[in-house]
Amino acid sequence: MKIAYTLLILISFFFISAKATEAETLTASELKKAVNFINELQNKILMAGSQVSDVDTLFSHYTEDFVYIHEVYGGTYTRKHLYNNYVKFLKAGNYQRKNDRYKVTAVIVGHNAVSVERQEIFEGEIVKHLSVFEFRGHKVSKIIEYWK
């Protein structure tokens, strides 16, 4: 009887956990909206007059175990490392843009992930960047950059 009761609890826990995970899956429309919102927050930090509170707002949309991967520019960054870099560069006055850095030009939505083509004007030329945003629920868990 004790084994059957324990088994019943474990099975129930499995179904409750599976249901909770399903509830956190975003629709294609929600994922597109979330990527555009994150892009806006990233752009805002790079603007003249941005503040640490703008960095805090962006990072409130990242999971606690968020990672940023860009093999060409340093490899893997933890959430803490990336946050500290943003704040350091902000306080040093490095973020003085007058126009957005990135414009989302195309997205392909997958299961809890979005591949994003972003356009940047760099030294007068249009440059396109490929990024992948992975989500866990409504928060970004990983960004991988595939550009040089």
C-alpha atoms as a PDB file:
ATOM      1  CA  MET A   1       0.000   0.000   0.000  1.00  0.00           C
ATOM      2  CA  LYS A   2       2.826   2.419   0.892  1.00  0.00           C
ATOM      3  CA  ILE A   3       4.558   1.735  -2.456  1.00  0.00           C
ATOM      4  CA  ALA A   4       1.322   2.347  -4.380  1.00  0.00           C
ATOM      5  CA  TYR A   5       0.762   5.624  -2.512  1.00  0.00           C
ATOM      6  CA  THR A   6       4.329   6.773  -3.224  1.00  0.00           C
ATOM      7  CA  LEU A   7       3.966   5.824  -6.877  1.00  0.00           C
ATOM      8  CA  LEU A   8       0.689   7.755  -7.101  1.00  0.00           C
ATOM      9  CA  ILE A   9       2.362  10.860  -5.645  1.00  0.00           C
ATOM     10  CA  LEU A  10       5.269  10.604  -8.105  1.00  0.00           C
ATOM     11  CA  ILE A  11       2.944  10.182 -11.096  1.00  0.00           C
ATOM     12  CA  SER A  12       0.829  13.125  -9.934  1.00  0.00           C
ATOM     13  CA  PHE A  13       3.937  15.255  -9.527  1.00  0.00           C
ATOM     14  CA  PHE A  14       5.043  14.320 -13.068  1.00  0.00           C
ATOM     15  CA  PHE A  15       1.709  15.367 -14.592  1.00  0.00           C
ATOM     16  CA  ILE A  16       1.572  18.603 -12.592  1.00  0.00           C
ATOM     17  CA  SER A  17       5.146  19.454 -13.653  1.00  0.00           C
ATOM     18  CA  ALA A  18       4.395  18.644 -17.300  1.00  0.00           C
ATOM     19  CA  LYS A  19       1.251  20.784 -17.205  1.00  0.00           C
ATOM     20  CA  ALA A  20       3.175  23.718 -15.648  1.00  0.00           C
ATOM     21  CA  THR A  21       5.820  23.469 -18.362  1.00  0.00           C
ATOM     22  CA  GLU A  22       3.175  23.433 -21.085  1.00  0.00           C
ATOM     23  CA  ALA A  23       1.538  26.531 -19.614  1.00  0.00           C
ATOM     24  CA  GLU A  24       4.824  28.425 -19.962  1.00  0.00           C
ATOM     25  CA  THR A  25       5.179  27.825 -23.701  1.00  0.00           C
ATOM     26  CA  LEU A  26       4.603  31.039 -25.637  1.00  0.00           C
ATOM     27  CA  THR A  27       2.707  31.214 -28.905  1.00  0.00           C
ATOM     28  CA  ALA A  28       4.459  32.313 -32.104  1.00  0.00           C
ATOM     29  CA  SER A  29       2.851  35.730 -31.781  1.00  0.00           C
ATOM     30  CA  GLU A  30       3.956  36.081 -28.146  1.00  0.00           C
ATOM     31  CA  LEU A  31       7.520  35.054 -29.027  1.00  0.00           C
ATOM     32  CA  LYS A  32       7.711  37.631 -31.839  1.00  0.00           C
ATOM     33  CA  LYS A  33       6.361  40.325 -29.530  1.00  0.00           C
ATOM     34  CA  ALA A  34       8.840  39.338 -26.796  1.00  0.00           C
ATOM     35  CA  VAL A  35      11.841  39.454 -29.167  1.00  0.00           C
ATOM     36  CA  ASN A  36      10.870  42.890 -30.444  1.00  0.00           C
ATOM     37  CA  PHE A  37      10.418  44.106 -26.863  1.00  0.00           C
ATOM     38  CA  ILE A  38      13.846  42.783 -25.804  1.00  0.00           C
ATOM     39  CA  ASN A  39      15.375  44.416 -28.888  1.00  0.00           C
ATOM     40  CA  GLU A  40      13.813  47.760 -27.855  1.00  0.00           C
ATOM     41  CA  LEU A  41      15.184  47.405 -24.329  1.00  0.00           C
ATOM     42  CA  GLN A  42      18.658  46.565 -25.653  1.00  0.00           C
ATOM     43  CA  ASN A  43      18.553  49.591 -27.954  1.00  0.00           C
ATOM     44  CA  LYS A  44      17.428  51.874 -25.131  1.00  0.00           C
ATOM     45  CA  ILE A  45      20.506  51.055 -23.034  1.00  0.00           C
ATOM     46  CA  LEU A  46      22.801  52.152 -25.869  1.00  0.00           C
ATOM     47  CA  MET A  47      21.161  55.587 -26.181  1.00  0.00           C
ATOM     48  CA  ALA A  48      22.472  58.840 -24.770  1.00  0.00           C
ATOM     49  CA  GLY A  49      20.814  59.464 -21.431  1.00  0.00           C
ATOM     50  CA  SER A  50      20.259  55.813 -20.595  1.00  0.00           C
ATOM     51  CA  GLN A  51      20.494  54.835 -16.940  1.00  0.00           C
ATOM     52  CA  VAL A  52      21.284  51.774 -14.820  1.00  0.00           C
ATOM     53  CA  SER A  53      17.525  51.385 -14.345  1.00  0.00           C
ATOM     54  CA  ASP A  54      17.307  50.667 -18.111  1.00  0.00           C
ATOM     55  CA  VAL A  55      19.810  47.828 -17.647  1.00  0.00           C
ATOM     56  CA  ASP A  56      17.771  46.571 -14.682  1.00  0.00           C
ATOM     57  CA  THR A  57      14.604  46.618 -16.798  1.00  0.00           C
ATOM     58  CA  LEU A  58      16.249  44.565 -19.556  1.00  0.00           C
ATOM     59  CA  PHE A  59      17.674  42.031 -17.122  1.00  0.00           C
ATOM     60  CA  SER A  60      14.317  41.604 -15.391  1.00  0.00           C
ATOM     61  CA  HIS A  61      13.270  39.865 -18.622  1.00  0.00           C
ATOM     62  CA  TYR A  62      16.149  37.366 -18.427  1.00  0.00           C
ATOM     63  CA  THR A  63      16.064  34.149 -16.400  1.00  0.00           C
ATOM     64  CA  GLU A  64      18.375  33.871 -13.384  1.00  0.00           C
ATOM     65  CA  ASP A  65      20.569  31.381 -15.296  1.00  0.00           C
ATOM     66  CA  PHE A  66      20.565  33.429 -18.525  1.00  0.00           C
ATOM     67  CA  VAL A  67      23.645  33.137 -20.760  1.00  0.00           C
ATOM     68  CA  TYR A  68      24.811  35.182 -23.729  1.00  0.00           C
ATOM     69  CA  ILE A  69      26.976  33.389 -26.273  1.00  0.00           C
ATOM     70  CA  HIS A  70      28.975  35.132 -28.967  1.00  0.00           C
ATOM     71  CA  GLU A  71      31.944  32.989 -29.952  1.00  0.00           C
ATOM     72  CA  VAL A  72      33.521  35.715 -32.105  1.00  0.00           C
ATOM     73  CA  TYR A  73      33.424  38.306 -29.307  1.00  0.00           C
ATOM     74  CA  GLY A  74      34.410  36.521 -26.144  1.00  0.00           C
ATOM     75  CA  GLY A  75      32.488  33.264 -25.928  1.00  0.00           C
ATOM     76  CA  THR A  76      29.969  32.693 -23.157  1.00  0.00           C
ATOM     77  CA  TYR A  77      28.893  35.384 -20.710  1.00  0.00           C
ATOM     78  CA  THR A  78      26.897  34.702 -17.583  1.00  0.00           C
ATOM     79  CA  ARG A  79      24.000  36.941 -16.646  1.00  0.00           C
ATOM     80  CA  LYS A  80      26.090  38.604 -13.922  1.00  0.00           C
ATOM     81  CA  HIS A  81      29.086  39.188 -16.195  1.00  0.00           C
ATOM     82  CA  LEU A  82      26.958  40.699 -18.958  1.00  0.00           C
ATOM     83  CA  TYR A  83      25.046  42.889 -16.488  1.00  0.00           C
ATOM     84  CA  ASN A  84      28.300  44.187 -14.992  1.00  0.00           C
ATOM     85  CA  ASN A  85      29.669  44.958 -18.480  1.00  0.00           C
ATOM     86  CA  TYR A  86      26.548  46.932 -19.413  1.00  0.00           C
ATOM     87  CA  VAL A  87      26.746  48.968 -16.210  1.00  0.00           C
ATOM     88  CA  LYS A  88      30.509  49.540 -16.553  1.00  0.00           C
ATOM     89  CA  PHE A  89      30.208  50.782 -20.147  1.00  0.00           C
ATOM     90  CA  LEU A  90      27.150  52.878 -19.301  1.00  0.00           C
ATOM     91  CA  LYS A  91      28.916  54.596 -16.397  1.00  0.00           C
ATOM     92  CA  ALA A  92      32.012  55.148 -18.574  1.00  0.00           C
ATOM     93  CA  GLY A  93      29.844  57.081 -21.030  1.00  0.00           C
ATOM     94  CA  ASN A  94      30.254  54.581 -23.881  1.00  0.00           C
ATOM     95  CA  TYR A  95      26.542  54.465 -24.708  1.00  0.00           C
ATOM     96  CA  GLN A  96      25.744  57.709 -26.517  1.00  0.00           C
ATOM     97  CA  ARG A  97      23.760  56.617 -29.566  1.00  0.00           C
ATOM     98  CA  LYS A  98      21.097  58.889 -31.003  1.00  0.00           C
ATOM     99  CA  ASN A  99      19.456  56.158 -33.102  1.00  0.00           C
ATOM    100  CA  ASP A 100      18.610  52.533 -32.411  1.00  0.00           C
ATOM    101  CA  ARG A 101      21.456  50.125 -33.026  1.00  0.00           C
ATOM    102  CA  TYR A 102      19.296  47.222 -34.167  1.00  0.00           C
ATOM    103  CA  LYS A 103      16.166  46.918 -36.228  1.00  0.00           C
ATOM    104  CA  VAL A 104      14.509  43.490 -36.365  1.00  0.00           C
ATOM    105  CA  THR A 105      14.003  42.669 -40.052  1.00  0.00           C
ATOM    106  CA  ALA A 106      13.000  38.984 -39.965  1.00  0.00           C
ATOM    107  CA  VAL A 107      12.117  36.262 -37.476  1.00  0.00           C
ATOM    108  CA  ILE A 108      11.601  32.521 -37.625  1.00  0.00           C
ATOM    109  CA  VAL A 109       9.737  31.159 -34.648  1.00  0.00           C
ATOM    110  CA  GLY A 110      10.404  27.707 -33.253  1.00  0.00           C
ATOM    111  CA  HIS A 111       9.446  25.968 -30.039  1.00  0.00           C
ATOM    112  CA  ASN A 112      10.460  28.408 -27.268  1.00  0.00           C
ATOM    113  CA  ALA A 113      13.050  29.991 -29.562  1.00  0.00           C
ATOM    114  CA  VAL A 114      13.241  32.647 -32.247  1.00  0.00           C
ATOM    115  CA  SER A 115      15.939  33.165 -34.859  1.00  0.00           C
ATOM    116  CA  VAL A 116      16.246  36.864 -35.535  1.00  0.00           C
ATOM    117  CA  GLU A 117      17.790  38.844 -38.354  1.00  0.00           C
ATOM    118  CA  ARG A 118      18.692  42.294 -37.097  1.00  0.00           C
ATOM    119  CA  GLN A 119      19.934  45.138 -39.225  1.00  0.00           C
ATOM    120  CA  GLU A 120      22.521  47.653 -38.093  1.00  0.00           C
ATOM    121  CA  ILE A 121      23.960  50.656 -39.898  1.00  0.00           C
ATOM    122  CA  PHE A 122      27.698  50.391 -39.270  1.00  0.00           C
ATOM    123  CA  GLU A 123      30.060  52.968 -40.787  1.00  0.00           C
ATOM    124  CA  GLY A 124      27.387  53.870 -43.345  1.00  0.00           C
ATOM    125  CA  GLU A 125      26.802  50.279 -44.446  1.00  0.00           C
ATOM    126  CA  ILE A 126      23.855  48.006 -43.723  1.00  0.00           C
ATOM    127  CA  VAL A 127      25.071  44.983 -41.790  1.00  0.00           C
ATOM    128  CA  LYS A 128      22.805  42.061 -40.918  1.00  0.00           C
ATOM    129  CA  HIS A 129      23.223  39.959 -37.787  1.00  0.00           C
ATOM    130  CA  LEU A 130      21.792  36.542 -36.958  1.00  0.00           C
ATOM    131  CA  SER A 131      20.803  35.869 -33.353  1.00  0.00           C
ATOM    132  CA  VAL A 132      18.812  33.148 -31.616  1.00  0.00           C
ATOM    133  CA  PHE A 133      16.735  33.970 -28.543  1.00  0.00           C
ATOM    134  CA  GLU A 134      15.673  31.038 -26.376  1.00  0.00           C
ATOM    135  CA  PHE A 135      12.818  31.423 -23.910  1.00  0.00           C
ATOM    136  CA  ARG A 136      11.735  29.746 -20.736  1.00  0.00           C
ATOM    137  CA  GLY A 137       8.246  30.982 -20.078  1.00  0.00           C
ATOM    138  CA  HIS A 138       8.115  34.731 -20.620  1.00  0.00           C
ATOM    139  CA  LYS A 139      11.831  35.251 -19.985  1.00  0.00           C
ATOM    140  CA  VAL A 140      14.881  34.929 -22.220  1.00  0.00           C
ATOM    141  CA  SER A 141      17.138  32.098 -21.069  1.00  0.00           C
ATOM    142  CA  LYS A 142      19.816  32.353 -23.747  1.00  0.00           C
ATOM    143  CA  ILE A 143      20.914  34.563 -26.625  1.00  0.00           C
ATOM    144  CA  ILE A 144      23.345  33.172 -29.170  1.00  0.00           C
ATOM    145  CA  GLU A 145      24.918  35.511 -31.708  1.00  0.00           C
ATOM    146  CA  TYR A 146      26.094  34.195 -35.083  1.00  0.00           C
ATOM    147  CA  TRP A 147      27.815  37.153 -36.678  1.00  0.00           C
ATOM    148  CA  LYS A 148      31.232  38.672 -37.016  1.00  0.00           C
END
